Every structure is written in structure tokens, then in C-alpha cells.
């Protein structure tokens, strides 16, 4: 029996659907539950792009129906379009392209839990932190006193909001015993504080479920070859979940300073001739591998003897 792949292009208020035998049609957001139930009954795999907040209603409907799906990075179908020489760009054309991507590459489907408030809280905190950092930068500019007073009020307000979100995030983690235990376990690792632990739980549910290479590629910490003929260029990381990558990079930087547990690994990379930033990136990948094993094996971090 041939596996059925359904391509879906997600918009703010509707989705465009491409089915291999039923053709194409458009579905309003309120009807997503019915679409997901039909896809599950057909044992089809729904293929769509990660579109930030807009794909959340679709993900929630698919999770409720226990429907298999593949959530692709936006680059994947566009790369196929270049190979096929497709230049048209429309919602209907993208839905067809996503279906063809599934049929050509047969990516492994997933079944995930519906989006939950913890992810929203983590994202909102990150947004406010960026706003606070921008205000701190502006504080060094020459400003008239009324403008400086406004800036000071905004800094206080943002700091208060961030503290409130920290409490909400801690509460959301504490309400689930399994999640609370995972957060506690993650924080036994060097460089992992409460914010990074919450970010990993909210934005990397695959932690502990994938092998280290697949997980590194998912986060964007896997180096890819850059070669042609006899020419050998430096390998580069690319793609993946940028905010998670940044969080792990900062954690690795702290974990490999001073007498940190990962300092020997970082020093070894530098002795091999790696630039400092590249050594820290490799350390971040090592840290991710350690965290993955900790969650998988349900073990706390152990410092090397």
C-alpha cells in the first residue's frame, strides 16, 4: 500500500491542501480538527513548513487527532524547488511542493503533543530580554532628562515583567512532575541554569529521544562538509533552531571557562588549531550530546574524575 502524503501550506487564517488523489482545496482555521481527523483515518502523513506561530492551530489539531506529520524547515522545500526548476511561488504551489517533498524523500513522521503555554512563556521572556538589552544600550546615549527618565521607567517595567515571567515559567514546570524532574536533572550539568533548562524543555522535546547526530543537526550544531574536487574548505554549521543554538553556545562558553567541567575539551580543540569560536561551538555540541544522554538514561551529570 502506497503511503499517502498531504502537502499543507499554512497561512494566518487558512491552509492550502494538496492531496495526491483528491486534488487541492482550502480550509479555514476553524475546520482544522475535521481535516486532521480525516488525515489520521487515512493514515496519511501531513507535510508542512515550520511557520512560527501560524502553524500552531494545525499542530494542535494534528496532535488531538494523533495524526502523523512532518514539520519541515522552510529551506527544505525551496531546495527541492530549485532542483526541479520551479520558480512559481504561491500558497497552492507551495502545498503541491510540500506534498512532492514528502513523496520524494519520505521523511520520518512524528506525533507531538499540542503546543502548550510553557513555550509561549519562554518565547515571551526572550522577547522582553531583547527589549531590555536594547534599552540598556540606549542608556549610554546622550539623552535629555525627560527621555532618560522615560528610559529608566521602561527598564524597571521590563525587569518586573521578566521577573513575573520567570515565576510563571517555574510554575509551569513545577506543575508536571516529569518536567520538574527533567529540569532538575538538566541543571546538574555545567552551564545550564533555570532559563536554559526551561528553553530546552519547551523548545527541544526531542531531547533524549534522538541520537546525538540527528539532535545536533536539528539544533544546527552539526558541521557540514564544504568540499569540491581537491579543494577542502572549512566545515560550517547551518540551519536548525537558532535560539536553542545561541542558548547552548552561551552555556558551553560558561561551562568551559575557569575550572569548568568542559574546559579540557575546549582547550583540546584550541590546541588542534581551532579558532576560539569554533572551539566553543564544538563544546556546545558536546554539551548537547551530554544532555541528550542524561535525559535518555535518566541520570544526573557526573563530573569527570
C-alpha atoms as a PDB file:
ATOM      1  CA  UNK A   1       0.000   0.000   0.000  1.00  0.00           C
ATOM      2  CA  UNK A   2       1.449   3.371  -1.065  1.00  0.00           C
ATOM      3  CA  UNK A   3       1.963   5.884   1.720  1.00  0.00           C
ATOM      4  CA  UNK A   4      -0.191   8.985   1.256  1.00  0.00           C
ATOM      5  CA  UNK A   5       1.482  12.362   1.809  1.00  0.00           C
ATOM      6  CA  UNK A   6      -0.636  15.517   2.109  1.00  0.00           C
ATOM      7  CA  UNK A   7       1.068  18.854   1.488  1.00  0.00           C
ATOM      8  CA  UNK A   8      -0.171  21.801   3.532  1.00  0.00           C
ATOM      9  CA  UNK A   9       0.793  25.445   3.147  1.00  0.00           C
ATOM     10  CA  UNK A  10      -0.067  27.359   6.320  1.00  0.00           C
ATOM     11  CA  UNK A  11      -1.427  30.896   6.303  1.00  0.00           C
ATOM     12  CA  UNK A  12      -2.735  33.051   9.119  1.00  0.00           C
ATOM     13  CA  UNK A  13      -6.432  32.260   8.643  1.00  0.00           C
ATOM     14  CA  UNK A  14      -6.490  29.125   6.463  1.00  0.00           C
ATOM     15  CA  UNK A  15      -4.402  26.329   4.983  1.00  0.00           C
ATOM     16  CA  UNK A  16      -3.974  25.232   1.370  1.00  0.00           C
ATOM     17  CA  UNK A  17      -4.074  21.459   0.957  1.00  0.00           C
ATOM     18  CA  UNK A  18      -2.640  19.262  -1.806  1.00  0.00           C
ATOM     19  CA  UNK A  19      -3.807  15.623  -1.805  1.00  0.00           C
ATOM     20  CA  UNK A  20      -2.410  13.084  -4.310  1.00  0.00           C
ATOM     21  CA  UNK A  21      -5.861  11.872  -5.413  1.00  0.00           C
ATOM     22  CA  UNK A  22      -8.379  14.411  -4.130  1.00  0.00           C
ATOM     23  CA  UNK A  23      -6.683  17.450  -5.606  1.00  0.00           C
ATOM     24  CA  UNK A  24      -6.369  20.848  -3.928  1.00  0.00           C
ATOM     25  CA  UNK A  25      -8.613  22.855  -1.673  1.00  0.00           C
ATOM     26  CA  UNK A  26      -8.539  25.480   1.059  1.00  0.00           C
ATOM     27  CA  UNK A  27      -9.598  25.024   4.687  1.00  0.00           C
ATOM     28  CA  UNK A  28     -10.439  27.752   7.181  1.00  0.00           C
ATOM     29  CA  UNK A  29      -8.736  27.500  10.576  1.00  0.00           C
ATOM     30  CA  UNK A  30     -11.919  26.510  12.484  1.00  0.00           C
ATOM     31  CA  UNK A  31     -12.213  23.363  10.311  1.00  0.00           C
ATOM     32  CA  UNK A  32      -8.712  22.054  11.040  1.00  0.00           C
ATOM     33  CA  UNK A  33      -9.972  19.449  13.531  1.00  0.00           C
ATOM     34  CA  UNK A  34     -12.007  17.732  10.814  1.00  0.00           C
ATOM     35  CA  UNK A  35      -9.081  17.816   8.390  1.00  0.00           C
ATOM     36  CA  UNK A  36      -6.751  16.279  10.987  1.00  0.00           C
ATOM     37  CA  UNK A  37      -9.250  13.527  11.822  1.00  0.00           C
ATOM     38  CA  UNK A  38      -9.617  12.649   8.139  1.00  0.00           C
ATOM     39  CA  UNK A  39      -5.839  12.550   7.685  1.00  0.00           C
ATOM     40  CA  UNK A  40      -5.488  10.254  10.716  1.00  0.00           C
ATOM     41  CA  UNK A  41      -8.246   7.951   9.445  1.00  0.00           C
ATOM     42  CA  UNK A  42      -6.466   7.732   6.090  1.00  0.00           C
ATOM     43  CA  UNK A  43      -3.131   7.046   7.830  1.00  0.00           C
ATOM     44  CA  UNK A  44      -1.705   9.895   5.762  1.00  0.00           C
ATOM     45  CA  UNK A  45       1.368  11.932   6.662  1.00  0.00           C
ATOM     46  CA  UNK A  46       0.800  15.693   6.651  1.00  0.00           C
ATOM     47  CA  UNK A  47       3.811  17.689   5.437  1.00  0.00           C
ATOM     48  CA  UNK A  48       4.064  21.402   6.275  1.00  0.00           C
ATOM     49  CA  UNK A  49       6.636  24.105   6.971  1.00  0.00           C
ATOM     50  CA  UNK A  50       7.516  25.474  10.382  1.00  0.00           C
ATOM     51  CA  UNK A  51       5.914  28.924  10.252  1.00  0.00           C
ATOM     52  CA  UNK A  52       6.307  30.135  13.806  1.00  0.00           C
ATOM     53  CA  UNK A  53       3.003  30.962  15.450  1.00  0.00           C
ATOM     54  CA  UNK A  54       0.834  30.405  12.379  1.00  0.00           C
ATOM     55  CA  UNK A  55       1.238  26.621  12.337  1.00  0.00           C
ATOM     56  CA  UNK A  56       0.176  26.218  15.969  1.00  0.00           C
ATOM     57  CA  UNK A  57      -3.558  25.599  15.266  1.00  0.00           C
ATOM     58  CA  UNK A  58      -2.596  22.934  12.728  1.00  0.00           C
ATOM     59  CA  UNK A  59      -0.169  21.273  15.122  1.00  0.00           C
ATOM     60  CA  UNK A  60      -2.787  21.306  17.887  1.00  0.00           C
ATOM     61  CA  UNK A  61      -5.382  19.695  15.595  1.00  0.00           C
ATOM     62  CA  UNK A  62      -2.934  17.030  14.388  1.00  0.00           C
ATOM     63  CA  UNK A  63      -1.901  16.224  17.955  1.00  0.00           C
ATOM     64  CA  UNK A  64      -5.516  15.910  19.096  1.00  0.00           C
ATOM     65  CA  UNK A  65      -6.272  13.530  16.204  1.00  0.00           C
ATOM     66  CA  UNK A  66      -2.996  11.617  16.690  1.00  0.00           C
ATOM     67  CA  UNK A  67      -2.218  12.277  13.020  1.00  0.00           C
ATOM     68  CA  UNK A  68       1.296  11.677  11.698  1.00  0.00           C
ATOM     69  CA  UNK A  69       3.054  14.723  10.318  1.00  0.00           C
ATOM     70  CA  UNK A  70       6.388  16.155   9.223  1.00  0.00           C
ATOM     71  CA  UNK A  71       7.276  19.733  10.157  1.00  0.00           C
ATOM     72  CA  UNK A  72       9.988  20.934   7.768  1.00  0.00           C
ATOM     73  CA  UNK A  73      12.327  23.881   7.928  1.00  0.00           C
ATOM     74  CA  UNK A  74      11.350  26.461   5.262  1.00  0.00           C
ATOM     75  CA  UNK A  75      14.614  25.840   3.387  1.00  0.00           C
ATOM     76  CA  UNK A  76      13.889  22.176   2.628  1.00  0.00           C
ATOM     77  CA  UNK A  77      11.053  22.552   0.084  1.00  0.00           C
ATOM     78  CA  UNK A  78      12.696  25.566  -1.563  1.00  0.00           C
ATOM     79  CA  UNK A  79      15.815  23.498  -2.195  1.00  0.00           C
ATOM     80  CA  UNK A  80      13.635  20.905  -3.938  1.00  0.00           C
ATOM     81  CA  UNK A  81      12.020  23.693  -5.964  1.00  0.00           C
ATOM     82  CA  UNK A  82      15.436  24.810  -7.211  1.00  0.00           C
ATOM     83  CA  UNK A  83      16.334  21.257  -8.194  1.00  0.00           C
ATOM     84  CA  UNK A  84      13.057  20.874 -10.102  1.00  0.00           C
ATOM     85  CA  UNK A  85      13.370  24.316 -11.686  1.00  0.00           C
ATOM     86  CA  UNK A  86      10.126  25.545 -10.090  1.00  0.00           C
ATOM     87  CA  UNK A  87      10.023  29.331  -9.860  1.00  0.00           C
ATOM     88  CA  UNK A  88       6.336  29.879  -9.116  1.00  0.00           C
ATOM     89  CA  UNK A  89       5.575  30.988  -5.560  1.00  0.00           C
ATOM     90  CA  UNK A  90       2.003  30.787  -4.310  1.00  0.00           C
ATOM     91  CA  UNK A  91       0.141  29.082  -1.495  1.00  0.00           C
ATOM     92  CA  UNK A  92      -1.299  26.451  -3.852  1.00  0.00           C
ATOM     93  CA  UNK A  93       2.076  25.831  -5.494  1.00  0.00           C
ATOM     94  CA  UNK A  94       3.777  25.531  -2.099  1.00  0.00           C
ATOM     95  CA  UNK A  95       1.229  22.934  -0.946  1.00  0.00           C
ATOM     96  CA  UNK A  96       1.985  20.837  -4.040  1.00  0.00           C
ATOM     97  CA  UNK A  97       5.719  21.253  -3.468  1.00  0.00           C
ATOM     98  CA  UNK A  98       5.406  20.072   0.139  1.00  0.00           C
ATOM     99  CA  UNK A  99       3.455  17.002  -0.961  1.00  0.00           C
ATOM    100  CA  UNK A 100       6.075  16.218  -3.598  1.00  0.00           C
ATOM    101  CA  UNK A 101       8.812  16.648  -0.985  1.00  0.00           C
ATOM    102  CA  UNK A 102       7.150  14.011   1.203  1.00  0.00           C
ATOM    103  CA  UNK A 103       6.719  11.611  -1.725  1.00  0.00           C
ATOM    104  CA  UNK A 104      10.315  12.086  -2.907  1.00  0.00           C
ATOM    105  CA  UNK A 105      12.176  11.921   0.407  1.00  0.00           C
ATOM    106  CA  UNK A 106       9.700  10.071   2.653  1.00  0.00           C
ATOM    107  CA  UNK A 107      10.790  11.848   5.855  1.00  0.00           C
ATOM    108  CA  UNK A 108      10.068  10.111   9.135  1.00  0.00           C
ATOM    109  CA  UNK A 109       6.761  11.312  10.591  1.00  0.00           C
ATOM    110  CA  UNK A 110       6.205  12.440  14.124  1.00  0.00           C
ATOM    111  CA  UNK A 111       3.376  12.691  16.616  1.00  0.00           C
ATOM    112  CA  UNK A 112       3.844  15.508  19.075  1.00  0.00           C
ATOM    113  CA  UNK A 113       1.963  16.955  21.984  1.00  0.00           C
ATOM    114  CA  UNK A 114      -0.061  20.072  21.192  1.00  0.00           C
ATOM    115  CA  UNK A 115       1.610  23.457  21.746  1.00  0.00           C
ATOM    116  CA  UNK A 116       1.466  24.469  25.380  1.00  0.00           C
ATOM    117  CA  UNK A 117       1.745  27.689  27.425  1.00  0.00           C
ATOM    118  CA  UNK A 118       5.325  26.966  28.571  1.00  0.00           C
ATOM    119  CA  UNK A 119       6.686  27.560  25.059  1.00  0.00           C
ATOM    120  CA  UNK A 120       4.786  30.852  24.841  1.00  0.00           C
ATOM    121  CA  UNK A 121       6.192  31.969  28.190  1.00  0.00           C
ATOM    122  CA  UNK A 122       9.754  31.115  27.180  1.00  0.00           C
ATOM    123  CA  UNK A 123       9.411  32.981  23.877  1.00  0.00           C
ATOM    124  CA  UNK A 124       7.827  35.991  25.555  1.00  0.00           C
ATOM    125  CA  UNK A 125      10.620  36.158  28.130  1.00  0.00           C
ATOM    126  CA  UNK A 126      13.205  36.080  25.346  1.00  0.00           C
ATOM    127  CA  UNK A 127      11.420  38.933  23.574  1.00  0.00           C
ATOM    128  CA  UNK A 128      11.418  41.085  26.710  1.00  0.00           C
ATOM    129  CA  UNK A 129      15.079  40.336  27.418  1.00  0.00           C
ATOM    130  CA  UNK A 130      15.973  41.604  23.940  1.00  0.00           C
ATOM    131  CA  UNK A 131      13.937  44.747  24.579  1.00  0.00           C
ATOM    132  CA  UNK A 132      15.704  45.253  27.910  1.00  0.00           C
ATOM    133  CA  UNK A 133      19.109  44.833  26.295  1.00  0.00           C
ATOM    134  CA  UNK A 134      18.182  47.463  23.701  1.00  0.00           C
ATOM    135  CA  UNK A 135      17.151  49.892  26.452  1.00  0.00           C
ATOM    136  CA  UNK A 136      20.445  49.329  28.292  1.00  0.00           C
ATOM    137  CA  UNK A 137      22.305  50.185  25.079  1.00  0.00           C
ATOM    138  CA  UNK A 138      20.265  53.379  24.680  1.00  0.00           C
ATOM    139  CA  UNK A 139      21.147  54.341  28.249  1.00  0.00           C
ATOM    140  CA  UNK A 140      24.701  55.124  27.048  1.00  0.00           C
ATOM    141  CA  UNK A 141      23.418  57.706  24.552  1.00  0.00           C
ATOM    142  CA  UNK A 142      23.294  61.418  25.403  1.00  0.00           C
ATOM    143  CA  UNK A 143      19.628  61.997  26.286  1.00  0.00           C
ATOM    144  CA  UNK A 144      17.606  64.871  27.635  1.00  0.00           C
ATOM    145  CA  UNK A 145      16.434  64.318  31.206  1.00  0.00           C
ATOM    146  CA  UNK A 146      12.764  63.612  30.327  1.00  0.00           C
ATOM    147  CA  UNK A 147      13.865  60.985  27.775  1.00  0.00           C
ATOM    148  CA  UNK A 148      16.274  59.423  30.283  1.00  0.00           C
ATOM    149  CA  UNK A 149      13.537  59.261  32.890  1.00  0.00           C
ATOM    150  CA  UNK A 150      11.273  57.503  30.383  1.00  0.00           C
ATOM    151  CA  UNK A 151      14.049  55.039  29.626  1.00  0.00           C
ATOM    152  CA  UNK A 152      14.553  54.324  33.341  1.00  0.00           C
ATOM    153  CA  UNK A 153      10.827  53.662  33.786  1.00  0.00           C
ATOM    154  CA  UNK A 154      10.834  51.285  30.828  1.00  0.00           C
ATOM    155  CA  UNK A 155      13.871  49.405  32.197  1.00  0.00           C
ATOM    156  CA  UNK A 156      12.120  48.961  35.556  1.00  0.00           C
ATOM    157  CA  UNK A 157       8.916  47.843  33.857  1.00  0.00           C
ATOM    158  CA  UNK A 158      10.690  45.297  31.656  1.00  0.00           C
ATOM    159  CA  UNK A 159      12.670  43.932  34.598  1.00  0.00           C
ATOM    160  CA  UNK A 160       9.427  43.498  36.558  1.00  0.00           C
ATOM    161  CA  UNK A 161       7.739  41.724  33.647  1.00  0.00           C
ATOM    162  CA  UNK A 162      10.721  39.388  33.164  1.00  0.00           C
ATOM    163  CA  UNK A 163      10.690  38.502  36.860  1.00  0.00           C
ATOM    164  CA  UNK A 164       6.964  37.766  36.638  1.00  0.00           C
ATOM    165  CA  UNK A 165       7.531  35.514  33.624  1.00  0.00           C
ATOM    166  CA  UNK A 166      10.297  33.690  35.498  1.00  0.00           C
ATOM    167  CA  UNK A 167       7.731  32.869  38.168  1.00  0.00           C
ATOM    168  CA  UNK A 168       5.180  31.693  35.623  1.00  0.00           C
ATOM    169  CA  UNK A 169       7.769  29.523  33.849  1.00  0.00           C
ATOM    170  CA  UNK A 170       8.872  27.965  37.133  1.00  0.00           C
ATOM    171  CA  UNK A 171       5.243  27.295  37.993  1.00  0.00           C
ATOM    172  CA  UNK A 172       4.510  25.712  34.615  1.00  0.00           C
ATOM    173  CA  UNK A 173       7.463  23.359  35.086  1.00  0.00           C
ATOM    174  CA  UNK A 174       6.621  22.537  38.707  1.00  0.00           C
ATOM    175  CA  UNK A 175       3.046  21.501  37.878  1.00  0.00           C
ATOM    176  CA  UNK A 176       4.324  18.493  35.896  1.00  0.00           C
ATOM    177  CA  UNK A 177       6.432  16.067  38.000  1.00  0.00           C
ATOM    178  CA  UNK A 178       8.158  14.593  34.926  1.00  0.00           C
ATOM    179  CA  UNK A 179       9.028  18.028  33.580  1.00  0.00           C
ATOM    180  CA  UNK A 180      10.180  19.217  37.005  1.00  0.00           C
ATOM    181  CA  UNK A 181      12.499  16.226  37.312  1.00  0.00           C
ATOM    182  CA  UNK A 182      13.904  16.847  33.832  1.00  0.00           C
ATOM    183  CA  UNK A 183      14.568  20.490  34.715  1.00  0.00           C
ATOM    184  CA  UNK A 184      16.324  19.480  37.927  1.00  0.00           C
ATOM    185  CA  UNK A 185      18.419  16.912  36.080  1.00  0.00           C
ATOM    186  CA  UNK A 186      19.415  19.341  33.328  1.00  0.00           C
ATOM    187  CA  UNK A 187      20.562  21.887  35.901  1.00  0.00           C
ATOM    188  CA  UNK A 188      23.097  19.428  37.296  1.00  0.00           C
ATOM    189  CA  UNK A 189      25.045  19.878  34.041  1.00  0.00           C
ATOM    190  CA  UNK A 190      27.644  22.665  33.835  1.00  0.00           C
ATOM    191  CA  UNK A 191      26.456  25.923  32.333  1.00  0.00           C
ATOM    192  CA  UNK A 192      22.753  25.009  32.491  1.00  0.00           C
ATOM    193  CA  UNK A 193      20.677  27.410  34.568  1.00  0.00           C
ATOM    194  CA  UNK A 194      16.909  27.657  35.027  1.00  0.00           C
ATOM    195  CA  UNK A 195      16.378  29.698  31.850  1.00  0.00           C
ATOM    196  CA  UNK A 196      18.318  27.321  29.589  1.00  0.00           C
ATOM    197  CA  UNK A 197      16.670  24.292  31.211  1.00  0.00           C
ATOM    198  CA  UNK A 198      13.219  25.771  30.562  1.00  0.00           C
ATOM    199  CA  UNK A 199      14.204  26.607  26.978  1.00  0.00           C
ATOM    200  CA  UNK A 200      15.351  23.037  26.344  1.00  0.00           C
ATOM    201  CA  UNK A 201      12.169  21.568  27.798  1.00  0.00           C
ATOM    202  CA  UNK A 202       9.896  23.936  25.873  1.00  0.00           C
ATOM    203  CA  UNK A 203      11.674  24.048  22.523  1.00  0.00           C
ATOM    204  CA  UNK A 204      13.535  20.737  22.254  1.00  0.00           C
ATOM    205  CA  UNK A 205      11.041  17.959  23.091  1.00  0.00           C
ATOM    206  CA  UNK A 206      13.231  15.607  21.036  1.00  0.00           C
ATOM    207  CA  UNK A 207      15.913  15.713  23.764  1.00  0.00           C
ATOM    208  CA  UNK A 208      16.621  12.174  24.945  1.00  0.00           C
ATOM    209  CA  UNK A 209      14.697  10.639  22.020  1.00  0.00           C
ATOM    210  CA  UNK A 210      17.068  11.115  19.075  1.00  0.00           C
ATOM    211  CA  UNK A 211      20.642  10.009  18.519  1.00  0.00           C
ATOM    212  CA  UNK A 212      23.327  12.639  19.032  1.00  0.00           C
ATOM    213  CA  UNK A 213      23.952  13.284  15.328  1.00  0.00           C
ATOM    214  CA  UNK A 214      20.287  13.814  14.492  1.00  0.00           C
ATOM    215  CA  UNK A 215      19.858  16.073  17.514  1.00  0.00           C
ATOM    216  CA  UNK A 216      22.914  18.170  16.623  1.00  0.00           C
ATOM    217  CA  UNK A 217      21.561  18.635  13.104  1.00  0.00           C
ATOM    218  CA  UNK A 218      18.142  19.571  14.480  1.00  0.00           C
ATOM    219  CA  UNK A 219      19.601  22.314  16.664  1.00  0.00           C
ATOM    220  CA  UNK A 220      22.036  23.454  13.981  1.00  0.00           C
ATOM    221  CA  UNK A 221      25.256  22.366  15.690  1.00  0.00           C
ATOM    222  CA  UNK A 222      26.241  19.657  13.188  1.00  0.00           C
ATOM    223  CA  UNK A 223      29.138  20.642  10.889  1.00  0.00           C
ATOM    224  CA  UNK A 224      28.578  20.084   7.185  1.00  0.00           C
ATOM    225  CA  UNK A 225      31.322  19.416   4.629  1.00  0.00           C
ATOM    226  CA  UNK A 226      32.447  22.201   2.300  1.00  0.00           C
ATOM    227  CA  UNK A 227      34.439  20.402  -0.399  1.00  0.00           C
ATOM    228  CA  UNK A 228      34.794  20.373  -4.180  1.00  0.00           C
ATOM    229  CA  UNK A 229      37.284  18.189  -6.054  1.00  0.00           C
ATOM    230  CA  UNK A 230      40.630  18.524  -4.298  1.00  0.00           C
ATOM    231  CA  UNK A 231      39.599  21.686  -2.540  1.00  0.00           C
ATOM    232  CA  UNK A 232      38.801  21.297   1.126  1.00  0.00           C
ATOM    233  CA  UNK A 233      37.103  24.210   2.880  1.00  0.00           C
ATOM    234  CA  UNK A 234      36.108  24.612   6.492  1.00  0.00           C
ATOM    235  CA  UNK A 235      33.019  22.764   7.600  1.00  0.00           C
ATOM    236  CA  UNK A 236      30.166  25.008   8.713  1.00  0.00           C
ATOM    237  CA  UNK A 237      27.056  24.680  10.839  1.00  0.00           C
ATOM    238  CA  UNK A 238      23.819  25.980   9.362  1.00  0.00           C
ATOM    239  CA  UNK A 239      20.070  25.865   9.800  1.00  0.00           C
ATOM    240  CA  UNK A 240      18.441  24.425  12.886  1.00  0.00           C
ATOM    241  CA  UNK A 241      16.803  26.153  15.838  1.00  0.00           C
ATOM    242  CA  UNK A 242      18.740  29.367  16.200  1.00  0.00           C
ATOM    243  CA  UNK A 243      17.591  30.401  19.684  1.00  0.00           C
ATOM    244  CA  UNK A 244      18.420  26.976  21.112  1.00  0.00           C
ATOM    245  CA  UNK A 245      21.817  27.104  19.435  1.00  0.00           C
ATOM    246  CA  UNK A 246      22.543  30.512  20.983  1.00  0.00           C
ATOM    247  CA  UNK A 247      21.485  29.303  24.429  1.00  0.00           C
ATOM    248  CA  UNK A 248      23.721  26.225  24.208  1.00  0.00           C
ATOM    249  CA  UNK A 249      26.626  28.311  22.906  1.00  0.00           C
ATOM    250  CA  UNK A 250      26.421  30.629  25.933  1.00  0.00           C
ATOM    251  CA  UNK A 251      26.090  27.645  28.282  1.00  0.00           C
ATOM    252  CA  UNK A 252      29.110  25.965  26.697  1.00  0.00           C
ATOM    253  CA  UNK A 253      31.115  29.164  26.994  1.00  0.00           C
ATOM    254  CA  UNK A 254      30.420  29.322  30.737  1.00  0.00           C
ATOM    255  CA  UNK A 255      30.942  25.576  31.227  1.00  0.00           C
ATOM    256  CA  UNK A 256      34.391  25.720  29.616  1.00  0.00           C
ATOM    257  CA  UNK A 257      35.778  28.721  31.492  1.00  0.00           C
ATOM    258  CA  UNK A 258      37.999  28.689  34.546  1.00  0.00           C
ATOM    259  CA  UNK A 259      37.740  25.287  36.168  1.00  0.00           C
ATOM    260  CA  UNK A 260      34.629  24.303  34.238  1.00  0.00           C
ATOM    261  CA  UNK A 261      33.993  20.650  33.518  1.00  0.00           C
ATOM    262  CA  UNK A 262      34.203  21.185  29.753  1.00  0.00           C
ATOM    263  CA  UNK A 263      37.370  23.294  29.820  1.00  0.00           C
ATOM    264  CA  UNK A 264      39.666  20.360  28.880  1.00  0.00           C
ATOM    265  CA  UNK A 265      37.524  19.635  25.817  1.00  0.00           C
ATOM    266  CA  UNK A 266      37.585  23.276  24.700  1.00  0.00           C
ATOM    267  CA  UNK A 267      41.335  23.550  25.324  1.00  0.00           C
ATOM    268  CA  UNK A 268      41.945  20.411  23.279  1.00  0.00           C
ATOM    269  CA  UNK A 269      40.063  21.905  20.331  1.00  0.00           C
ATOM    270  CA  UNK A 270      42.113  25.095  20.563  1.00  0.00           C
ATOM    271  CA  UNK A 271      45.350  23.061  20.713  1.00  0.00           C
ATOM    272  CA  UNK A 272      44.219  21.366  17.498  1.00  0.00           C
ATOM    273  CA  UNK A 273      44.263  24.768  15.848  1.00  0.00           C
ATOM    274  CA  UNK A 274      40.546  25.574  16.044  1.00  0.00           C
ATOM    275  CA  UNK A 275      39.585  29.259  16.447  1.00  0.00           C
ATOM    276  CA  UNK A 276      38.041  30.078  19.838  1.00  0.00           C
ATOM    277  CA  UNK A 277      34.500  30.492  18.485  1.00  0.00           C
ATOM    278  CA  UNK A 278      34.736  27.194  16.635  1.00  0.00           C
ATOM    279  CA  UNK A 279      36.054  25.504  19.782  1.00  0.00           C
ATOM    280  CA  UNK A 280      33.110  26.858  21.788  1.00  0.00           C
ATOM    281  CA  UNK A 281      30.689  25.669  19.098  1.00  0.00           C
ATOM    282  CA  UNK A 282      32.208  22.183  19.298  1.00  0.00           C
ATOM    283  CA  UNK A 283      31.874  22.393  23.084  1.00  0.00           C
ATOM    284  CA  UNK A 284      28.199  23.315  22.693  1.00  0.00           C
ATOM    285  CA  UNK A 285      27.718  20.228  20.538  1.00  0.00           C
ATOM    286  CA  UNK A 286      29.477  18.131  23.195  1.00  0.00           C
ATOM    287  CA  UNK A 287      27.246  19.646  25.888  1.00  0.00           C
ATOM    288  CA  UNK A 288      24.135  18.832  23.848  1.00  0.00           C
ATOM    289  CA  UNK A 289      25.310  15.221  23.492  1.00  0.00           C
ATOM    290  CA  UNK A 290      25.792  15.011  27.263  1.00  0.00           C
ATOM    291  CA  UNK A 291      22.344  16.492  27.968  1.00  0.00           C
ATOM    292  CA  UNK A 292      20.751  14.101  25.498  1.00  0.00           C
ATOM    293  CA  UNK A 293      22.328  11.098  27.224  1.00  0.00           C
ATOM    294  CA  UNK A 294      21.333  12.406  30.658  1.00  0.00           C
ATOM    295  CA  UNK A 295      17.663  12.700  29.710  1.00  0.00           C
ATOM    296  CA  UNK A 296      17.672   9.417  27.787  1.00  0.00           C
ATOM    297  CA  UNK A 297      19.287   7.436  30.613  1.00  0.00           C
ATOM    298  CA  UNK A 298      17.646   9.460  33.411  1.00  0.00           C
ATOM    299  CA  UNK A 299      20.984  10.223  35.028  1.00  0.00           C
ATOM    300  CA  UNK A 300      22.392  13.392  36.580  1.00  0.00           C
ATOM    301  CA  UNK A 301      25.602  14.914  35.311  1.00  0.00           C
ATOM    302  CA  UNK A 302      28.803  13.418  36.721  1.00  0.00           C
ATOM    303  CA  UNK A 303      31.981  15.495  36.747  1.00  0.00           C
ATOM    304  CA  UNK A 304      34.990  13.669  35.320  1.00  0.00           C
ATOM    305  CA  UNK A 305      37.288  12.218  37.955  1.00  0.00           C
END
